[in-house]
Amino acid sequence: MALRITDECINCDVCEPECPNDAIFMGELIYVINPDACTECVGHHNEPQCKVVCPVDCIEIHPEFQESEEALMIKYEVLTSRIKA
């Protein structure tokens, strides 16, 4: 699964630096999560770090990107292999 940021986002800037995959960026009005780079921190942490630090609880599972834990681990491995290469 990938996560998404809802329009309750207050642009507090705390989620972006916590993302180990650099999947979070400033969108037109609020922060956005790139679902192709979001692994919900699988491979990095036990829980999504953006959700941990979000003061308004505006980060949820993206309904269009339902992925298993195994799929997230494969995505993590692909993303980290690109960094190492």
PDB file of N, CA and C in Angstrom:
ATOM      1  N   MET A   1       0.832  -1.166   0.000  1.00  0.00           N
ATOM      2  CA  MET A   1       0.000   0.000   0.000  1.00  0.00           C
ATOM      3  C   MET A   1       0.879   1.232   0.000  1.00  0.00           C
ATOM      4  N   ALA A   2       0.402   2.212  -0.589  1.00  0.00           N
ATOM      5  CA  ALA A   2       1.061   3.510  -0.513  1.00  0.00           C
ATOM      6  C   ALA A   2       0.184   4.399   0.366  1.00  0.00           C
ATOM      7  N   LEU A   3       0.759   5.441   0.837  1.00  0.00           N
ATOM      8  CA  LEU A   3       0.019   6.382   1.655  1.00  0.00           C
ATOM      9  C   LEU A   3      -0.312   7.626   0.841  1.00  0.00           C
ATOM     10  N   ARG A   4      -1.256   8.405   1.338  1.00  0.00           N
ATOM     11  CA  ARG A   4      -1.546   9.702   0.732  1.00  0.00           C
ATOM     12  C   ARG A   4      -1.845  10.699   1.837  1.00  0.00           C
ATOM     13  N   ILE A   5      -1.675  11.948   1.499  1.00  0.00           N
ATOM     14  CA  ILE A   5      -1.923  13.040   2.434  1.00  0.00           C
ATOM     15  C   ILE A   5      -3.241  13.678   2.045  1.00  0.00           C
ATOM     16  N   THR A   6      -4.125  13.825   3.010  1.00  0.00           N
ATOM     17  CA  THR A   6      -5.445  14.400   2.743  1.00  0.00           C
ATOM     18  C   THR A   6      -5.387  15.922   2.812  1.00  0.00           C
ATOM     19  N   ASP A   7      -6.481  16.541   2.427  1.00  0.00           N
ATOM     20  CA  ASP A   7      -6.510  18.005   2.409  1.00  0.00           C
ATOM     21  C   ASP A   7      -6.588  18.639   3.798  1.00  0.00           C
ATOM     22  N   GLU A   8      -6.550  17.828   4.837  1.00  0.00           N
ATOM     23  CA  GLU A   8      -6.436  18.367   6.195  1.00  0.00           C
ATOM     24  C   GLU A   8      -5.000  18.797   6.506  1.00  0.00           C
ATOM     25  N   CYS A   9      -4.080  18.524   5.590  1.00  0.00           N
ATOM     26  CA  CYS A   9      -2.666  18.878   5.760  1.00  0.00           C
ATOM     27  C   CYS A   9      -2.528  20.370   6.051  1.00  0.00           C
ATOM     28  N   ILE A  10      -1.697  20.696   7.040  1.00  0.00           N
ATOM     29  CA  ILE A  10      -1.469  22.104   7.405  1.00  0.00           C
ATOM     30  C   ILE A  10      -0.102  22.596   6.931  1.00  0.00           C
ATOM     31  N   ASN A  11       0.553  21.823   6.076  1.00  0.00           N
ATOM     32  CA  ASN A  11       1.863  22.202   5.532  1.00  0.00           C
ATOM     33  C   ASN A  11       2.876  22.545   6.632  1.00  0.00           C
ATOM     34  N   CYS A  12       2.943  21.702   7.628  1.00  0.00           N
ATOM     35  CA  CYS A  12       3.837  21.956   8.758  1.00  0.00           C
ATOM     36  C   CYS A  12       5.287  21.566   8.463  1.00  0.00           C
ATOM     37  N   ASP A  13       5.514  20.885   7.361  1.00  0.00           N
ATOM     38  CA  ASP A  13       6.855  20.529   6.900  1.00  0.00           C
ATOM     39  C   ASP A  13       7.547  19.419   7.689  1.00  0.00           C
ATOM     40  N   VAL A  14       6.863  18.714   8.574  1.00  0.00           N
ATOM     41  CA  VAL A  14       7.551  17.691   9.365  1.00  0.00           C
ATOM     42  C   VAL A  14       7.622  16.325   8.679  1.00  0.00           C
ATOM     43  N   CYS A  15       6.724  16.038   7.761  1.00  0.00           N
ATOM     44  CA  CYS A  15       6.707  14.711   7.131  1.00  0.00           C
ATOM     45  C   CYS A  15       7.795  14.537   6.075  1.00  0.00           C
ATOM     46  N   GLU A  16       8.010  15.554   5.279  1.00  0.00           N
ATOM     47  CA  GLU A  16       8.932  15.437   4.142  1.00  0.00           C
ATOM     48  C   GLU A  16      10.322  14.932   4.532  1.00  0.00           C
ATOM     49  N   PRO A  17      10.984  15.525   5.535  1.00  0.00           N
ATOM     50  CA  PRO A  17      12.328  15.045   5.856  1.00  0.00           C
ATOM     51  C   PRO A  17      12.361  13.665   6.514  1.00  0.00           C
ATOM     52  N   GLU A  18      11.226  13.181   6.988  1.00  0.00           N
ATOM     53  CA  GLU A  18      11.182  11.869   7.647  1.00  0.00           C
ATOM     54  C   GLU A  18      11.098  10.713   6.657  1.00  0.00           C
ATOM     55  N   CYS A  19      10.752  10.992   5.418  1.00  0.00           N
ATOM     56  CA  CYS A  19      10.557   9.921   4.427  1.00  0.00           C
ATOM     57  C   CYS A  19      11.894   9.381   3.932  1.00  0.00           C
ATOM     58  N   PRO A  20      12.192   8.115   4.201  1.00  0.00           N
ATOM     59  CA  PRO A  20      13.476   7.549   3.770  1.00  0.00           C
ATOM     60  C   PRO A  20      13.565   7.319   2.260  1.00  0.00           C
ATOM     61  N   ASN A  21      12.428   7.368   1.571  1.00  0.00           N
ATOM     62  CA  ASN A  21      12.405   7.139   0.131  1.00  0.00           C
ATOM     63  C   ASN A  21      12.257   8.427  -0.678  1.00  0.00           C
ATOM     64  N   ASP A  22      12.247   9.560  -0.004  1.00  0.00           N
ATOM     65  CA  ASP A  22      12.031  10.853  -0.675  1.00  0.00           C
ATOM     66  C   ASP A  22      10.747  10.835  -1.502  1.00  0.00           C
ATOM     67  N   ALA A  23       9.715  10.198  -0.967  1.00  0.00           N
ATOM     68  CA  ALA A  23       8.443  10.090  -1.681  1.00  0.00           C
ATOM     69  C   ALA A  23       7.525  11.281  -1.429  1.00  0.00           C
ATOM     70  N   ILE A  24       7.856  12.117  -0.445  1.00  0.00           N
ATOM     71  CA  ILE A  24       6.991  13.240  -0.083  1.00  0.00           C
ATOM     72  C   ILE A  24       7.567  14.535  -0.643  1.00  0.00           C
ATOM     73  N   PHE A  25       6.687  15.317  -1.258  1.00  0.00           N
ATOM     74  CA  PHE A  25       7.116  16.602  -1.816  1.00  0.00           C
ATOM     75  C   PHE A  25       5.965  17.590  -1.731  1.00  0.00           C
ATOM     76  N   MET A  26       6.295  18.868  -1.840  1.00  0.00           N
ATOM     77  CA  MET A  26       5.272  19.898  -1.795  1.00  0.00           C
ATOM     78  C   MET A  26       4.521  19.914  -3.110  1.00  0.00           C
ATOM     79  N   GLY A  27       3.215  19.774  -3.034  1.00  0.00           N
ATOM     80  CA  GLY A  27       2.367  19.846  -4.210  1.00  0.00           C
ATOM     81  C   GLY A  27       1.905  21.270  -4.434  1.00  0.00           C
ATOM     82  N   GLU A  28       0.846  21.416  -5.183  1.00  0.00           N
ATOM     83  CA  GLU A  28       0.317  22.741  -5.487  1.00  0.00           C
ATOM     84  C   GLU A  28      -0.181  23.456  -4.231  1.00  0.00           C
ATOM     85  N   LEU A  29      -0.899  22.717  -3.363  1.00  0.00           N
ATOM     86  CA  LEU A  29      -1.444  23.321  -2.147  1.00  0.00           C
ATOM     87  C   LEU A  29      -0.977  22.648  -0.869  1.00  0.00           C
ATOM     88  N   ILE A  30      -0.789  21.343  -0.930  1.00  0.00           N
ATOM     89  CA  ILE A  30      -0.388  20.573   0.244  1.00  0.00           C
ATOM     90  C   ILE A  30       0.709  19.595  -0.159  1.00  0.00           C
ATOM     91  N   TYR A  31       1.275  18.930   0.845  1.00  0.00           N
ATOM     92  CA  TYR A  31       2.272  17.904   0.558  1.00  0.00           C
ATOM     93  C   TYR A  31       1.605  16.717  -0.131  1.00  0.00           C
ATOM     94  N   VAL A  32       2.390  16.027  -0.957  1.00  0.00           N
ATOM     95  CA  VAL A  32       1.914  14.904  -1.753  1.00  0.00           C
ATOM     96  C   VAL A  32       2.893  13.748  -1.568  1.00  0.00           C
ATOM     97  N   ILE A  33       2.375  12.529  -1.631  1.00  0.00           N
ATOM     98  CA  ILE A  33       3.216  11.336  -1.563  1.00  0.00           C
ATOM     99  C   ILE A  33       3.189  10.642  -2.922  1.00  0.00           C
ATOM    100  N   ASN A  34       4.366  10.400  -3.481  1.00  0.00           N
ATOM    101  CA  ASN A  34       4.483   9.667  -4.734  1.00  0.00           C
ATOM    102  C   ASN A  34       4.258   8.184  -4.419  1.00  0.00           C
ATOM    103  N   PRO A  35       3.157   7.593  -4.879  1.00  0.00           N
ATOM    104  CA  PRO A  35       2.871   6.200  -4.539  1.00  0.00           C
ATOM    105  C   PRO A  35       3.880   5.206  -5.106  1.00  0.00           C
ATOM    106  N   ASP A  36       4.573   5.592  -6.169  1.00  0.00           N
ATOM    107  CA  ASP A  36       5.581   4.699  -6.742  1.00  0.00           C
ATOM    108  C   ASP A  36       6.837   4.621  -5.877  1.00  0.00           C
ATOM    109  N   ALA A  37       7.023   5.586  -4.986  1.00  0.00           N
ATOM    110  CA  ALA A  37       8.201   5.588  -4.114  1.00  0.00           C
ATOM    111  C   ALA A  37       7.854   5.304  -2.660  1.00  0.00           C
ATOM    112  N   CYS A  38       6.571   5.247  -2.338  1.00  0.00           N
ATOM    113  CA  CYS A  38       6.153   5.011  -0.945  1.00  0.00           C
ATOM    114  C   CYS A  38       6.117   3.517  -0.653  1.00  0.00           C
ATOM    115  N   THR A  39       6.847   3.121   0.373  1.00  0.00           N
ATOM    116  CA  THR A  39       6.826   1.728   0.838  1.00  0.00           C
ATOM    117  C   THR A  39       6.238   1.634   2.244  1.00  0.00           C
ATOM    118  N   GLU A  40       5.608   2.702   2.716  1.00  0.00           N
ATOM    119  CA  GLU A  40       5.123   2.776   4.094  1.00  0.00           C
ATOM    120  C   GLU A  40       6.259   2.495   5.071  1.00  0.00           C
ATOM    121  N   CYS A  41       7.455   2.827   4.666  1.00  0.00           N
ATOM    122  CA  CYS A  41       8.692   2.652   5.438  1.00  0.00           C
ATOM    123  C   CYS A  41       9.103   1.191   5.615  1.00  0.00           C
ATOM    124  N   VAL A  42       8.425   0.272   4.915  1.00  0.00           N
ATOM    125  CA  VAL A  42       8.844  -1.129   4.942  1.00  0.00           C
ATOM    126  C   VAL A  42      10.289  -1.188   4.459  1.00  0.00           C
ATOM    127  N   GLY A  43      11.108  -1.912   5.200  1.00  0.00           N
ATOM    128  CA  GLY A  43      12.528  -2.018   4.876  1.00  0.00           C
ATOM    129  C   GLY A  43      13.372  -0.995   5.619  1.00  0.00           C
ATOM    130  N   HIS A  44      12.738   0.055   6.088  1.00  0.00           N
ATOM    131  CA  HIS A  44      13.450   1.107   6.810  1.00  0.00           C
ATOM    132  C   HIS A  44      13.064   1.159   8.299  1.00  0.00           C
ATOM    133  N   HIS A  45      11.755   1.142   8.559  1.00  0.00           N
ATOM    134  CA  HIS A  45      11.227   1.310   9.913  1.00  0.00           C
ATOM    135  C   HIS A  45      10.041   0.371  10.124  1.00  0.00           C
ATOM    136  N   ASN A  46       9.629   0.238  11.369  1.00  0.00           N
ATOM    137  CA  ASN A  46       8.496  -0.624  11.700  1.00  0.00           C
ATOM    138  C   ASN A  46       7.146   0.010  11.407  1.00  0.00           C
ATOM    139  N   GLU A  47       7.115   1.335  11.258  1.00  0.00           N
ATOM    140  CA  GLU A  47       5.875   2.027  10.955  1.00  0.00           C
ATOM    141  C   GLU A  47       6.182   3.263  10.116  1.00  0.00           C
ATOM    142  N   PRO A  48       5.212   3.736   9.347  1.00  0.00           N
ATOM    143  CA  PRO A  48       5.438   4.891   8.494  1.00  0.00           C
ATOM    144  C   PRO A  48       5.812   6.129   9.315  1.00  0.00           C
ATOM    145  N   GLN A  49       6.984   6.650   9.066  1.00  0.00           N
ATOM    146  CA  GLN A  49       7.492   7.768   9.852  1.00  0.00           C
ATOM    147  C   GLN A  49       6.713   9.051   9.617  1.00  0.00           C
ATOM    148  N   CYS A  50       6.160   9.238   8.433  1.00  0.00           N
ATOM    149  CA  CYS A  50       5.354  10.434   8.181  1.00  0.00           C
ATOM    150  C   CYS A  50       4.123  10.440   9.077  1.00  0.00           C
ATOM    151  N   LYS A  51       3.512   9.272   9.267  1.00  0.00           N
ATOM    152  CA  LYS A  51       2.343   9.182  10.137  1.00  0.00           C
ATOM    153  C   LYS A  51       2.717   9.421  11.591  1.00  0.00           C
ATOM    154  N   VAL A  52       3.886   8.964  11.980  1.00  0.00           N
ATOM    155  CA  VAL A  52       4.340   9.135  13.365  1.00  0.00           C
ATOM    156  C   VAL A  52       4.463  10.606  13.719  1.00  0.00           C
ATOM    157  N   VAL A  53       5.008  11.407  12.792  1.00  0.00           N
ATOM    158  CA  VAL A  53       5.274  12.819  13.106  1.00  0.00           C
ATOM    159  C   VAL A  53       4.137  13.764  12.736  1.00  0.00           C
ATOM    160  N   CYS A  54       3.151  13.318  11.982  1.00  0.00           N
ATOM    161  CA  CYS A  54       2.070  14.201  11.532  1.00  0.00           C
ATOM    162  C   CYS A  54       1.218  14.669  12.713  1.00  0.00           C
ATOM    163  N   PRO A  55       1.163  15.989  12.944  1.00  0.00           N
ATOM    164  CA  PRO A  55       0.409  16.497  14.090  1.00  0.00           C
ATOM    165  C   PRO A  55      -1.108  16.528  13.885  1.00  0.00           C
ATOM    166  N   VAL A  56      -1.576  16.375  12.650  1.00  0.00           N
ATOM    167  CA  VAL A  56      -3.015  16.449  12.397  1.00  0.00           C
ATOM    168  C   VAL A  56      -3.602  15.141  11.878  1.00  0.00           C
ATOM    169  N   ASP A  57      -2.806  14.091  11.839  1.00  0.00           N
ATOM    170  CA  ASP A  57      -3.278  12.763  11.436  1.00  0.00           C
ATOM    171  C   ASP A  57      -3.973  12.805  10.067  1.00  0.00           C
ATOM    172  N   CYS A  58      -3.287  13.391   9.084  1.00  0.00           N
ATOM    173  CA  CYS A  58      -3.892  13.543   7.757  1.00  0.00           C
ATOM    174  C   CYS A  58      -3.273  12.601   6.718  1.00  0.00           C
ATOM    175  N   ILE A  59      -2.589  11.567   7.161  1.00  0.00           N
ATOM    176  CA  ILE A  59      -1.970  10.618   6.240  1.00  0.00           C
ATOM    177  C   ILE A  59      -2.691   9.286   6.365  1.00  0.00           C
ATOM    178  N   GLU A  60      -3.159   8.796   5.229  1.00  0.00           N
ATOM    179  CA  GLU A  60      -3.964   7.576   5.217  1.00  0.00           C
ATOM    180  C   GLU A  60      -3.494   6.646   4.106  1.00  0.00           C
ATOM    181  N   ILE A  61      -4.010   5.429   4.122  1.00  0.00           N
ATOM    182  CA  ILE A  61      -3.703   4.475   3.062  1.00  0.00           C
ATOM    183  C   ILE A  61      -4.369   4.953   1.778  1.00  0.00           C
ATOM    184  N   HIS A  62      -3.619   4.934   0.708  1.00  0.00           N
ATOM    185  CA  HIS A  62      -4.130   5.355  -0.595  1.00  0.00           C
ATOM    186  C   HIS A  62      -4.997   4.221  -1.147  1.00  0.00           C
ATOM    187  N   PRO A  63      -6.281   4.464  -1.379  1.00  0.00           N
ATOM    188  CA  PRO A  63      -7.171   3.374  -1.804  1.00  0.00           C
ATOM    189  C   PRO A  63      -6.848   2.787  -3.178  1.00  0.00           C
ATOM    190  N   GLU A  64      -6.137   3.526  -4.014  1.00  0.00           N
ATOM    191  CA  GLU A  64      -5.821   3.034  -5.351  1.00  0.00           C
ATOM    192  C   GLU A  64      -4.510   2.250  -5.404  1.00  0.00           C
ATOM    193  N   PHE A  65      -3.791   2.188  -4.280  1.00  0.00           N
ATOM    194  CA  PHE A  65      -2.493   1.505  -4.256  1.00  0.00           C
ATOM    195  C   PHE A  65      -2.445   0.527  -3.091  1.00  0.00           C
ATOM    196  N   GLN A  66      -3.214  -0.546  -3.200  1.00  0.00           N
ATOM    197  CA  GLN A  66      -3.249  -1.589  -2.183  1.00  0.00           C
ATOM    198  C   GLN A  66      -2.155  -2.601  -2.497  1.00  0.00           C
ATOM    199  N   GLU A  67      -1.120  -2.643  -1.652  1.00  0.00           N
ATOM    200  CA  GLU A  67       0.007  -3.557  -1.869  1.00  0.00           C
ATOM    201  C   GLU A  67       0.245  -4.379  -0.612  1.00  0.00           C
ATOM    202  N   SER A  68       0.652  -5.606  -0.801  1.00  0.00           N
ATOM    203  CA  SER A  68       0.959  -6.479   0.327  1.00  0.00           C
ATOM    204  C   SER A  68       2.306  -6.082   0.930  1.00  0.00           C
ATOM    205  N   GLU A  69       2.585  -6.609   2.092  1.00  0.00           N
ATOM    206  CA  GLU A  69       3.877  -6.389   2.744  1.00  0.00           C
ATOM    207  C   GLU A  69       5.012  -6.888   1.848  1.00  0.00           C
ATOM    208  N   GLU A  70       4.780  -8.013   1.182  1.00  0.00           N
ATOM    209  CA  GLU A  70       5.796  -8.563   0.280  1.00  0.00           C
ATOM    210  C   GLU A  70       6.039  -7.624  -0.907  1.00  0.00           C
ATOM    211  N   ALA A  71       4.973  -7.072  -1.464  1.00  0.00           N
ATOM    212  CA  ALA A  71       5.109  -6.142  -2.591  1.00  0.00           C
ATOM    213  C   ALA A  71       5.848  -4.876  -2.155  1.00  0.00           C
ATOM    214  N   LEU A  72       5.565  -4.411  -0.949  1.00  0.00           N
ATOM    215  CA  LEU A  72       6.260  -3.227  -0.436  1.00  0.00           C
ATOM    216  C   LEU A  72       7.744  -3.518  -0.236  1.00  0.00           C
ATOM    217  N   MET A  73       8.077  -4.727   0.211  1.00  0.00           N
ATOM    218  CA  MET A  73       9.480  -5.088   0.395  1.00  0.00           C
ATOM    219  C   MET A  73      10.197  -5.158  -0.956  1.00  0.00           C
ATOM    220  N   ILE A  74       9.525  -5.675  -1.962  1.00  0.00           N
ATOM    221  CA  ILE A  74      10.118  -5.708  -3.307  1.00  0.00           C
ATOM    222  C   ILE A  74      10.341  -4.290  -3.816  1.00  0.00           C
ATOM    223  N   LYS A  75       9.367  -3.415  -3.600  1.00  0.00           N
ATOM    224  CA  LYS A  75       9.516  -2.013  -4.007  1.00  0.00           C
ATOM    225  C   LYS A  75      10.693  -1.375  -3.280  1.00  0.00           C
ATOM    226  N   TYR A  76      10.811  -1.648  -1.977  1.00  0.00           N
ATOM    227  CA  TYR A  76      11.937  -1.148  -1.187  1.00  0.00           C
ATOM    228  C   TYR A  76      13.265  -1.622  -1.787  1.00  0.00           C
ATOM    229  N   GLU A  77      13.356  -2.905  -2.110  1.00  0.00           N
ATOM    230  CA  GLU A  77      14.591  -3.458  -2.674  1.00  0.00           C
ATOM    231  C   GLU A  77      14.933  -2.821  -4.018  1.00  0.00           C
ATOM    232  N   VAL A  78      13.936  -2.586  -4.849  1.00  0.00           N
ATOM    233  CA  VAL A  78      14.164  -1.932  -6.140  1.00  0.00           C
ATOM    234  C   VAL A  78      14.642  -0.497  -5.927  1.00  0.00           C
ATOM    235  N   LEU A  79      13.965   0.231  -5.049  1.00  0.00           N
ATOM    236  CA  LEU A  79      14.335   1.623  -4.798  1.00  0.00           C
ATOM    237  C   LEU A  79      15.738   1.736  -4.217  1.00  0.00           C
ATOM    238  N   THR A  80      16.074   0.877  -3.277  1.00  0.00           N
ATOM    239  CA  THR A  80      17.402   0.977  -2.657  1.00  0.00           C
ATOM    240  C   THR A  80      18.501   0.482  -3.594  1.00  0.00           C
ATOM    241  N   SER A  81      18.177  -0.430  -4.500  1.00  0.00           N
ATOM    242  CA  SER A  81      19.196  -0.858  -5.464  1.00  0.00           C
ATOM    243  C   SER A  81      19.526   0.255  -6.446  1.00  0.00           C
ATOM    244  N   ARG A  82      18.576   1.111  -6.754  1.00  0.00           N
ATOM    245  CA  ARG A  82      18.812   2.268  -7.627  1.00  0.00           C
ATOM    246  C   ARG A  82      19.747   3.271  -6.961  1.00  0.00           C
ATOM    247  N   ILE A  83      19.593   3.417  -5.666  1.00  0.00           N
ATOM    248  CA  ILE A  83      20.444   4.355  -4.910  1.00  0.00           C
ATOM    249  C   ILE A  83      21.878   3.850  -4.880  1.00  0.00           C
ATOM    250  N   LYS A  84      22.048   2.540  -4.701  1.00  0.00           N
ATOM    251  CA  LYS A  84      23.384   1.954  -4.601  1.00  0.00           C
ATOM    252  C   LYS A  84      24.101   1.924  -5.950  1.00  0.00           C
ATOM    253  N   ALA A  85      23.330   1.854  -7.029  1.00  0.00           N
ATOM    254  CA  ALA A  85      23.930   1.731  -8.367  1.00  0.00           C
ATOM    255  C   ALA A  85      24.531   3.020  -8.868  1.00  0.00           C
TER     256      ALA A  85
END
